[in-house]
PDB file of all heavy atoms in Angstrom:
ATOM      1  N   ARG A   1       0.841  -1.209   0.000  1.00  0.00           N
ATOM      2  CA  ARG A   1       0.000   0.000   0.000  1.00  0.00           C
ATOM      3  C   ARG A   1       0.870   1.250   0.000  1.00  0.00           C
ATOM      4  O   ARG A   1       0.609   2.214  -0.722  1.00  0.00           O
ATOM      5  CB  ARG A   1      -0.923   0.015   1.212  1.00  0.00           C
ATOM      6  CG  ARG A   1      -2.091  -0.949   1.138  1.00  0.00           C
ATOM      7  CD  ARG A   1      -3.131  -0.630   2.184  1.00  0.00           C
ATOM      8  NE  ARG A   1      -2.623  -0.787   3.543  1.00  0.00           N
ATOM      9  CZ  ARG A   1      -2.671  -1.912   4.227  1.00  0.00           C
ATOM     10  NH1 ARG A   1      -3.200  -2.998   3.688  1.00  0.00           N
ATOM     11  NH2 ARG A   1      -2.208  -1.980   5.465  1.00  0.00           N
ATOM     12  N   ILE A   2       1.920   1.222   0.813  1.00  0.00           N
ATOM     13  CA  ILE A   2       2.832   2.363   0.872  1.00  0.00           C
ATOM     14  C   ILE A   2       3.476   2.606  -0.484  1.00  0.00           C
ATOM     15  O   ILE A   2       3.539   3.737  -0.967  1.00  0.00           O
ATOM     16  CB  ILE A   2       3.910   2.121   1.950  1.00  0.00           C
ATOM     17  CG1 ILE A   2       3.282   2.164   3.341  1.00  0.00           C
ATOM     18  CG2 ILE A   2       5.036   3.150   1.830  1.00  0.00           C
ATOM     19  CD1 ILE A   2       4.211   1.691   4.442  1.00  0.00           C
ATOM     20  N   ARG A   3       3.932   1.547  -1.114  1.00  0.00           N
ATOM     21  CA  ARG A   3       4.575   1.677  -2.424  1.00  0.00           C
ATOM     22  C   ARG A   3       3.586   2.225  -3.457  1.00  0.00           C
ATOM     23  O   ARG A   3       3.955   3.051  -4.299  1.00  0.00           O
ATOM     24  CB  ARG A   3       5.111   0.332  -2.887  1.00  0.00           C
ATOM     25  CG  ARG A   3       5.720   0.371  -4.288  1.00  0.00           C
ATOM     26  CD  ARG A   3       6.403  -0.917  -4.648  1.00  0.00           C
ATOM     27  NE  ARG A   3       5.523  -2.069  -4.586  1.00  0.00           N
ATOM     28  CZ  ARG A   3       5.911  -3.312  -4.911  1.00  0.00           C
ATOM     29  NH1 ARG A   3       7.154  -3.542  -5.285  1.00  0.00           N
ATOM     30  NH2 ARG A   3       5.066  -4.324  -4.826  1.00  0.00           N
ATOM     31  N   ALA A   4       2.331   1.808  -3.372  1.00  0.00           N
ATOM     32  CA  ALA A   4       1.337   2.220  -4.362  1.00  0.00           C
ATOM     33  C   ALA A   4       1.039   3.712  -4.297  1.00  0.00           C
ATOM     34  O   ALA A   4       0.896   4.374  -5.324  1.00  0.00           O
ATOM     35  CB  ALA A   4       0.048   1.426  -4.166  1.00  0.00           C
ATOM     36  N   TRP A   5       0.971   4.270  -3.067  1.00  0.00           N
ATOM     37  CA  TRP A   5       0.605   5.692  -2.987  1.00  0.00           C
ATOM     38  C   TRP A   5       1.776   6.620  -2.785  1.00  0.00           C
ATOM     39  O   TRP A   5       1.615   7.834  -2.755  1.00  0.00           O
ATOM     40  CB  TRP A   5      -0.483   5.951  -1.942  1.00  0.00           C
ATOM     41  CG  TRP A   5      -0.296   5.440  -0.543  1.00  0.00           C
ATOM     42  CD1 TRP A   5      -0.874   4.337  -0.011  1.00  0.00           C
ATOM     43  CD2 TRP A   5       0.454   6.020   0.533  1.00  0.00           C
ATOM     44  NE1 TRP A   5      -0.515   4.173   1.309  1.00  0.00           N
ATOM     45  CE2 TRP A   5       0.293   5.200   1.672  1.00  0.00           C
ATOM     46  CE3 TRP A   5       1.266   7.161   0.648  1.00  0.00           C
ATOM     47  CZ2 TRP A   5       0.893   5.463   2.900  1.00  0.00           C
ATOM     48  CZ3 TRP A   5       1.866   7.428   1.865  1.00  0.00           C
ATOM     49  CH2 TRP A   5       1.685   6.591   2.979  1.00  0.00           C
ATOM     50  N   ASP A   6       2.955   6.099  -2.699  1.00  0.00           N
ATOM     51  CA  ASP A   6       4.115   6.978  -2.524  1.00  0.00           C
ATOM     52  C   ASP A   6       5.307   6.497  -3.338  1.00  0.00           C
ATOM     53  O   ASP A   6       6.422   6.421  -2.839  1.00  0.00           O
ATOM     54  CB  ASP A   6       4.502   7.072  -1.046  1.00  0.00           C
ATOM     55  CG  ASP A   6       3.840   8.251  -0.355  1.00  0.00           C
ATOM     56  OD1 ASP A   6       3.922   9.363  -0.899  1.00  0.00           O
ATOM     57  OD2 ASP A   6       3.227   8.067   0.701  1.00  0.00           O
ATOM     58  N   GLN A   7       5.123   6.215  -4.600  1.00  0.00           N
ATOM     59  CA  GLN A   7       6.213   5.734  -5.431  1.00  0.00           C
ATOM     60  C   GLN A   7       7.309   6.793  -5.554  1.00  0.00           C
ATOM     61  O   GLN A   7       7.039   7.959  -5.775  1.00  0.00           O
ATOM     62  CB  GLN A   7       5.679   5.359  -6.812  1.00  0.00           C
ATOM     63  CG  GLN A   7       4.743   4.156  -6.789  1.00  0.00           C
ATOM     64  CD  GLN A   7       4.278   3.757  -8.158  1.00  0.00           C
ATOM     65  OE1 GLN A   7       5.014   3.895  -9.130  1.00  0.00           O
ATOM     66  NE2 GLN A   7       3.064   3.241  -8.254  1.00  0.00           N
ATOM     67  N   GLY A   8       8.545   6.324  -5.385  1.00  0.00           N
ATOM     68  CA  GLY A   8       9.695   7.199  -5.561  1.00  0.00           C
ATOM     69  C   GLY A   8       9.982   8.115  -4.396  1.00  0.00           C
ATOM     70  O   GLY A   8      10.835   9.006  -4.498  1.00  0.00           O
ATOM     71  N   ARG A   9       9.311   7.902  -3.267  1.00  0.00           N
ATOM     72  CA  ARG A   9       9.506   8.781  -2.119  1.00  0.00           C
ATOM     73  C   ARG A   9      10.159   8.008  -0.977  1.00  0.00           C
ATOM     74  O   ARG A   9      10.447   6.816  -1.087  1.00  0.00           O
ATOM     75  CB  ARG A   9       8.173   9.396  -1.688  1.00  0.00           C
ATOM     76  CG  ARG A   9       7.481  10.152  -2.825  1.00  0.00           C
ATOM     77  CD  ARG A   9       6.076  10.574  -2.462  1.00  0.00           C
ATOM     78  NE  ARG A   9       6.076  11.746  -1.603  1.00  0.00           N
ATOM     79  CZ  ARG A   9       4.989  12.191  -0.970  1.00  0.00           C
ATOM     80  NH1 ARG A   9       3.841  11.558  -1.076  1.00  0.00           N
ATOM     81  NH2 ARG A   9       5.055  13.271  -0.202  1.00  0.00           N
ATOM     82  N   THR A  10      10.393   8.692   0.138  1.00  0.00           N
ATOM     83  CA  THR A  10      10.993   8.069   1.317  1.00  0.00           C
ATOM     84  C   THR A  10       9.961   8.025   2.435  1.00  0.00           C
ATOM     85  O   THR A  10       9.421   9.063   2.829  1.00  0.00           O
ATOM     86  CB  THR A  10      12.229   8.855   1.783  1.00  0.00           C
ATOM     87  OG1 THR A  10      13.221   8.823   0.744  1.00  0.00           O
ATOM     88  CG2 THR A  10      12.823   8.248   3.058  1.00  0.00           C
ATOM     89  N   ILE A  11       9.694   6.827   2.927  1.00  0.00           N
ATOM     90  CA  ILE A  11       8.669   6.613   3.931  1.00  0.00           C
ATOM     91  C   ILE A  11       9.317   5.962   5.156  1.00  0.00           C
ATOM     92  O   ILE A  11      10.098   5.021   5.025  1.00  0.00           O
ATOM     93  CB  ILE A  11       7.554   5.683   3.419  1.00  0.00           C
ATOM     94  CG1 ILE A  11       7.111   6.086   2.008  1.00  0.00           C
ATOM     95  CG2 ILE A  11       6.388   5.657   4.401  1.00  0.00           C
ATOM     96  CD1 ILE A  11       6.556   7.469   1.877  1.00  0.00           C
ATOM     97  N   ALA A  12       8.972   6.455   6.339  1.00  0.00           N
ATOM     98  CA  ALA A  12       9.398   5.813   7.581  1.00  0.00           C
ATOM     99  C   ALA A  12       8.239   4.988   8.122  1.00  0.00           C
ATOM    100  O   ALA A  12       7.117   5.498   8.259  1.00  0.00           O
ATOM    101  CB  ALA A  12       9.830   6.856   8.608  1.00  0.00           C
ATOM    102  N   ALA A  13       8.496   3.715   8.413  1.00  0.00           N
ATOM    103  CA  ALA A  13       7.481   2.813   8.966  1.00  0.00           C
ATOM    104  C   ALA A  13       7.949   2.371  10.350  1.00  0.00           C
ATOM    105  O   ALA A  13       8.947   1.657  10.467  1.00  0.00           O
ATOM    106  CB  ALA A  13       7.276   1.610   8.054  1.00  0.00           C
ATOM    107  N   ILE A  14       7.242   2.824  11.380  1.00  0.00           N
ATOM    108  CA  ILE A  14       7.646   2.516  12.755  1.00  0.00           C
ATOM    109  C   ILE A  14       6.839   1.328  13.239  1.00  0.00           C
ATOM    110  O   ILE A  14       5.606   1.355  13.274  1.00  0.00           O
ATOM    111  CB  ILE A  14       7.461   3.743  13.683  1.00  0.00           C
ATOM    112  CG1 ILE A  14       8.490   4.827  13.341  1.00  0.00           C
ATOM    113  CG2 ILE A  14       7.682   3.315  15.132  1.00  0.00           C
ATOM    114  CD1 ILE A  14       8.294   5.575  12.081  1.00  0.00           C
ATOM    115  N   THR A  15       7.534   0.273  13.624  1.00  0.00           N
ATOM    116  CA  THR A  15       6.868  -0.977  13.958  1.00  0.00           C
ATOM    117  C   THR A  15       7.665  -1.719  15.038  1.00  0.00           C
ATOM    118  O   THR A  15       8.306  -1.080  15.879  1.00  0.00           O
ATOM    119  CB  THR A  15       6.632  -1.794  12.665  1.00  0.00           C
ATOM    120  OG1 THR A  15       5.946  -2.995  12.976  1.00  0.00           O
ATOM    121  CG2 THR A  15       7.912  -2.084  11.904  1.00  0.00           C
ATOM    122  N   HIS A  16       7.649  -3.033  14.984  1.00  0.00           N
ATOM    123  CA  HIS A  16       8.166  -3.867  16.074  1.00  0.00           C
ATOM    124  C   HIS A  16       9.206  -4.857  15.546  1.00  0.00           C
ATOM    125  O   HIS A  16       9.255  -5.155  14.348  1.00  0.00           O
ATOM    126  CB  HIS A  16       7.005  -4.596  16.738  1.00  0.00           C
ATOM    127  CG  HIS A  16       5.924  -3.662  17.182  1.00  0.00           C
ATOM    128  ND1 HIS A  16       5.918  -3.053  18.412  1.00  0.00           N
ATOM    129  CD2 HIS A  16       4.831  -3.182  16.513  1.00  0.00           C
ATOM    130  CE1 HIS A  16       4.861  -2.255  18.499  1.00  0.00           C
ATOM    131  NE2 HIS A  16       4.193  -2.312  17.366  1.00  0.00           N
ATOM    132  N   GLY A  17      10.025  -5.359  16.460  1.00  0.00           N
ATOM    133  CA  GLY A  17      11.165  -6.176  16.064  1.00  0.00           C
ATOM    134  C   GLY A  17      10.816  -7.363  15.200  1.00  0.00           C
ATOM    135  O   GLY A  17      11.419  -7.585  14.136  1.00  0.00           O
ATOM    136  N   ASP A  18       9.838  -8.172  15.616  1.00  0.00           N
ATOM    137  CA  ASP A  18       9.503  -9.368  14.841  1.00  0.00           C
ATOM    138  C   ASP A  18       8.839  -9.022  13.517  1.00  0.00           C
ATOM    139  O   ASP A  18       8.972  -9.771  12.545  1.00  0.00           O
ATOM    140  CB  ASP A  18       8.614 -10.302  15.658  1.00  0.00           C
ATOM    141  CG  ASP A  18       9.412 -11.178  16.610  1.00  0.00           C
ATOM    142  OD1 ASP A  18      10.626 -11.336  16.378  1.00  0.00           O
ATOM    143  OD2 ASP A  18       8.829 -11.711  17.574  1.00  0.00           O
ATOM    144  N   VAL A  19       8.103  -7.910  13.467  1.00  0.00           N
ATOM    145  CA  VAL A  19       7.504  -7.489  12.199  1.00  0.00           C
ATOM    146  C   VAL A  19       8.605  -7.137  11.197  1.00  0.00           C
ATOM    147  O   VAL A  19       8.568  -7.539  10.028  1.00  0.00           O
ATOM    148  CB  VAL A  19       6.556  -6.295  12.407  1.00  0.00           C
ATOM    149  CG1 VAL A  19       5.965  -5.834  11.078  1.00  0.00           C
ATOM    150  CG2 VAL A  19       5.447  -6.655  13.390  1.00  0.00           C
ATOM    151  N   ILE A  20       9.605  -6.401  11.661  1.00  0.00           N
ATOM    152  CA  ILE A  20      10.727  -6.041  10.785  1.00  0.00           C
ATOM    153  C   ILE A  20      11.483  -7.286  10.352  1.00  0.00           C
ATOM    154  O   ILE A  20      11.830  -7.451   9.173  1.00  0.00           O
ATOM    155  CB  ILE A  20      11.662  -5.047  11.498  1.00  0.00           C
ATOM    156  CG1 ILE A  20      10.923  -3.723  11.741  1.00  0.00           C
ATOM    157  CG2 ILE A  20      12.936  -4.811  10.671  1.00  0.00           C
ATOM    158  CD1 ILE A  20      11.692  -2.738  12.601  1.00  0.00           C
ATOM    159  N   ARG A  21      11.730  -8.194  11.285  1.00  0.00           N
ATOM    160  CA  ARG A  21      12.430  -9.437  10.930  1.00  0.00           C
ATOM    161  C   ARG A  21      11.653 -10.228   9.873  1.00  0.00           C
ATOM    162  O   ARG A  21      12.235 -10.755   8.916  1.00  0.00           O
ATOM    163  CB  ARG A  21      12.632 -10.295  12.181  1.00  0.00           C
ATOM    164  CG  ARG A  21      13.624  -9.726  13.184  1.00  0.00           C
ATOM    165  CD  ARG A  21      13.812 -10.693  14.340  1.00  0.00           C
ATOM    166  NE  ARG A  21      14.691 -10.158  15.352  1.00  0.00           N
ATOM    167  CZ  ARG A  21      14.277  -9.548  16.468  1.00  0.00           C
ATOM    168  NH1 ARG A  21      12.976  -9.419  16.710  1.00  0.00           N
ATOM    169  NH2 ARG A  21      15.149  -9.084  17.337  1.00  0.00           N
ATOM    170  N   CYS A  22      10.330 -10.330  10.049  1.00  0.00           N
ATOM    171  CA  CYS A  22       9.508 -11.059   9.078  1.00  0.00           C
ATOM    172  C   CYS A  22       9.625 -10.457   7.684  1.00  0.00           C
ATOM    173  O   CYS A  22       9.737 -11.178   6.681  1.00  0.00           O
ATOM    174  CB  CYS A  22       8.046 -11.047   9.523  1.00  0.00           C
ATOM    175  SG  CYS A  22       7.645 -12.212  10.839  1.00  0.00           S
ATOM    176  N   LEU A  23       9.595  -9.133   7.603  1.00  0.00           N
ATOM    177  CA  LEU A  23       9.693  -8.468   6.303  1.00  0.00           C
ATOM    178  C   LEU A  23      11.071  -8.669   5.676  1.00  0.00           C
ATOM    179  O   LEU A  23      11.185  -8.941   4.478  1.00  0.00           O
ATOM    180  CB  LEU A  23       9.390  -6.984   6.457  1.00  0.00           C
ATOM    181  CG  LEU A  23       7.926  -6.641   6.727  1.00  0.00           C
ATOM    182  CD1 LEU A  23       7.788  -5.183   7.138  1.00  0.00           C
ATOM    183  CD2 LEU A  23       7.063  -6.938   5.509  1.00  0.00           C
ATOM    184  N   LEU A  24      12.112  -8.543   6.473  1.00  0.00           N
ATOM    185  CA  LEU A  24      13.463  -8.717   5.940  1.00  0.00           C
ATOM    186  C   LEU A  24      13.683 -10.150   5.456  1.00  0.00           C
ATOM    187  O   LEU A  24      14.296 -10.376   4.404  1.00  0.00           O
ATOM    188  CB  LEU A  24      14.497  -8.336   6.995  1.00  0.00           C
ATOM    189  CG  LEU A  24      14.574  -6.848   7.355  1.00  0.00           C
ATOM    190  CD1 LEU A  24      15.533  -6.630   8.519  1.00  0.00           C
ATOM    191  CD2 LEU A  24      15.004  -6.009   6.152  1.00  0.00           C
ATOM    192  N   LEU A  25      13.187 -11.128   6.211  1.00  0.00           N
ATOM    193  CA  LEU A  25      13.322 -12.519   5.777  1.00  0.00           C
ATOM    194  C   LEU A  25      12.608 -12.752   4.453  1.00  0.00           C
ATOM    195  O   LEU A  25      13.111 -13.470   3.581  1.00  0.00           O
ATOM    196  CB  LEU A  25      12.765 -13.463   6.846  1.00  0.00           C
ATOM    197  CG  LEU A  25      13.585 -13.595   8.134  1.00  0.00           C
ATOM    198  CD1 LEU A  25      12.825 -14.448   9.140  1.00  0.00           C
ATOM    199  CD2 LEU A  25      14.958 -14.187   7.874  1.00  0.00           C
ATOM    200  N   LEU A  26      11.428 -12.145   4.294  1.00  0.00           N
ATOM    201  CA  LEU A  26      10.694 -12.283   3.038  1.00  0.00           C
ATOM    202  C   LEU A  26      11.507 -11.719   1.877  1.00  0.00           C
ATOM    203  O   LEU A  26      11.648 -12.359   0.827  1.00  0.00           O
ATOM    204  CB  LEU A  26       9.352 -11.544   3.153  1.00  0.00           C
ATOM    205  CG  LEU A  26       8.478 -11.533   1.901  1.00  0.00           C
ATOM    206  CD1 LEU A  26       8.027 -12.945   1.543  1.00  0.00           C
ATOM    207  CD2 LEU A  26       7.276 -10.623   2.107  1.00  0.00           C
ATOM    208  N   LEU A  27      12.057 -10.528   2.059  1.00  0.00           N
ATOM    209  CA  LEU A  27      12.800  -9.881   0.978  1.00  0.00           C
ATOM    210  C   LEU A  27      14.117 -10.588   0.682  1.00  0.00           C
ATOM    211  O   LEU A  27      14.599 -10.565  -0.455  1.00  0.00           O
ATOM    212  CB  LEU A  27      13.060  -8.411   1.331  1.00  0.00           C
ATOM    213  CG  LEU A  27      11.814  -7.540   1.498  1.00  0.00           C
ATOM    214  CD1 LEU A  27      12.203  -6.125   1.884  1.00  0.00           C
ATOM    215  CD2 LEU A  27      10.967  -7.531   0.240  1.00  0.00           C
ATOM    216  N   LEU A  28      14.710 -11.202   1.692  1.00  0.00           N
ATOM    217  CA  LEU A  28      15.979 -11.909   1.515  1.00  0.00           C
ATOM    218  C   LEU A  28      15.788 -13.359   1.070  1.00  0.00           C
ATOM    219  O   LEU A  28      16.767 -14.057   0.800  1.00  0.00           O
ATOM    220  CB  LEU A  28      16.778 -11.875   2.813  1.00  0.00           C
ATOM    221  CG  LEU A  28      17.304 -10.496   3.237  1.00  0.00           C
ATOM    222  CD1 LEU A  28      17.824 -10.541   4.674  1.00  0.00           C
ATOM    223  CD2 LEU A  28      18.395 -10.012   2.286  1.00  0.00           C
ATOM    224  N   GLY A  29      14.521 -13.817   1.011  1.00  0.00           N
ATOM    225  CA  GLY A  29      14.266 -15.191   0.609  1.00  0.00           C
ATOM    226  C   GLY A  29      14.701 -16.211   1.640  1.00  0.00           C
ATOM    227  O   GLY A  29      15.056 -17.344   1.292  1.00  0.00           O
ATOM    228  N   MET A  30      14.626 -15.841   2.920  1.00  0.00           N
ATOM    229  CA  MET A  30      15.046 -16.737   4.001  1.00  0.00           C
ATOM    230  C   MET A  30      13.821 -17.286   4.717  1.00  0.00           C
ATOM    231  O   MET A  30      12.793 -16.620   4.817  1.00  0.00           O
ATOM    232  CB  MET A  30      15.934 -15.977   4.991  1.00  0.00           C
ATOM    233  CG  MET A  30      17.253 -15.511   4.421  1.00  0.00           C
ATOM    234  SD  MET A  30      18.153 -14.428   5.579  1.00  0.00           S
ATOM    235  CE  MET A  30      18.398 -15.539   6.979  1.00  0.00           C
ATOM    236  N   PRO A  31      13.896 -18.508   5.253  1.00  0.00           N
ATOM    237  CA  PRO A  31      12.753 -19.096   5.961  1.00  0.00           C
ATOM    238  C   PRO A  31      12.508 -18.415   7.305  1.00  0.00           C
ATOM    239  O   PRO A  31      13.429 -17.909   7.954  1.00  0.00           O
ATOM    240  CB  PRO A  31      13.164 -20.560   6.147  1.00  0.00           C
ATOM    241  CG  PRO A  31      14.651 -20.563   6.078  1.00  0.00           C
ATOM    242  CD  PRO A  31      15.029 -19.453   5.143  1.00  0.00           C
ATOM    243  N   LEU A  32      11.247 -18.427   7.733  1.00  0.00           N
ATOM    244  CA  LEU A  32      10.876 -17.816   9.006  1.00  0.00           C
ATOM    245  C   LEU A  32      11.555 -18.488  10.201  1.00  0.00           C
ATOM    246  O   LEU A  32      11.719 -17.867  11.252  1.00  0.00           O
ATOM    247  CB  LEU A  32       9.361 -17.852   9.176  1.00  0.00           C
ATOM    248  CG  LEU A  32       8.580 -16.827   8.347  1.00  0.00           C
ATOM    249  CD1 LEU A  32       7.094 -17.163   8.357  1.00  0.00           C
ATOM    250  CD2 LEU A  32       8.821 -15.426   8.876  1.00  0.00           C
ATOM    251  N   ASP A  33      11.941 -19.730  10.047  1.00  0.00           N
ATOM    252  CA  ASP A  33      12.626 -20.417  11.148  1.00  0.00           C
ATOM    253  C   ASP A  33      13.964 -19.770  11.486  1.00  0.00           C
ATOM    254  O   ASP A  33      14.528 -20.033  12.550  1.00  0.00           O
ATOM    255  CB  ASP A  33      12.852 -21.889  10.799  1.00  0.00           C
ATOM    256  CG  ASP A  33      11.546 -22.667  10.728  1.00  0.00           C
ATOM    257  OD1 ASP A  33      10.567 -22.242  11.379  1.00  0.00           O
ATOM    258  OD2 ASP A  33      11.489 -23.684  10.004  1.00  0.00           O
ATOM    259  N   HIS A  34      14.478 -18.918  10.598  1.00  0.00           N
ATOM    260  CA  HIS A  34      15.754 -18.237  10.842  1.00  0.00           C
ATOM    261  C   HIS A  34      15.564 -16.842  11.424  1.00  0.00           C
ATOM    262  O   HIS A  34      16.510 -16.056  11.448  1.00  0.00           O
ATOM    263  CB  HIS A  34      16.554 -18.145   9.534  1.00  0.00           C
ATOM    264  CG  HIS A  34      17.028 -19.458   9.019  1.00  0.00           C
ATOM    265  ND1 HIS A  34      17.603 -19.618   7.769  1.00  0.00           N
ATOM    266  CD2 HIS A  34      17.012 -20.699   9.579  1.00  0.00           C
ATOM    267  CE1 HIS A  34      17.916 -20.888   7.594  1.00  0.00           C
ATOM    268  NE2 HIS A  34      17.577 -21.560   8.665  1.00  0.00           N
ATOM    269  N   ILE A  35      14.383 -16.545  11.917  1.00  0.00           N
ATOM    270  CA  ILE A  35      14.078 -15.180  12.331  1.00  0.00           C
ATOM    271  C   ILE A  35      15.011 -14.662  13.424  1.00  0.00           C
ATOM    272  O   ILE A  35      15.365 -13.481  13.441  1.00  0.00           O
ATOM    273  CB  ILE A  35      12.605 -15.068  12.779  1.00  0.00           C
ATOM    274  CG1 ILE A  35      12.201 -13.596  12.926  1.00  0.00           C
ATOM    275  CG2 ILE A  35      12.326 -15.872  14.032  1.00  0.00           C
ATOM    276  CD1 ILE A  35      10.707 -13.390  13.071  1.00  0.00           C
ATOM    277  N   LEU A  36      15.447 -15.524  14.325  1.00  0.00           N
ATOM    278  CA  LEU A  36      16.292 -15.070  15.429  1.00  0.00           C
ATOM    279  C   LEU A  36      17.746 -14.847  15.002  1.00  0.00           C
ATOM    280  O   LEU A  36      18.567 -14.430  15.817  1.00  0.00           O
ATOM    281  CB  LEU A  36      16.217 -16.069  16.589  1.00  0.00           C
ATOM    282  CG  LEU A  36      14.827 -16.202  17.226  1.00  0.00           C
ATOM    283  CD1 LEU A  36      14.858 -17.190  18.375  1.00  0.00           C
ATOM    284  CD2 LEU A  36      14.308 -14.848  17.710  1.00  0.00           C
TER     285      LEU A  36
END
């Protein structure tokens, strides 16, 4: 949603440790079992 309404801009998303880990694992193609 952020990408759709703010293409080419800089957005700060303030969230929580496990949420950030989940997103990074998705983008890096790593399994969730490696979250820690």
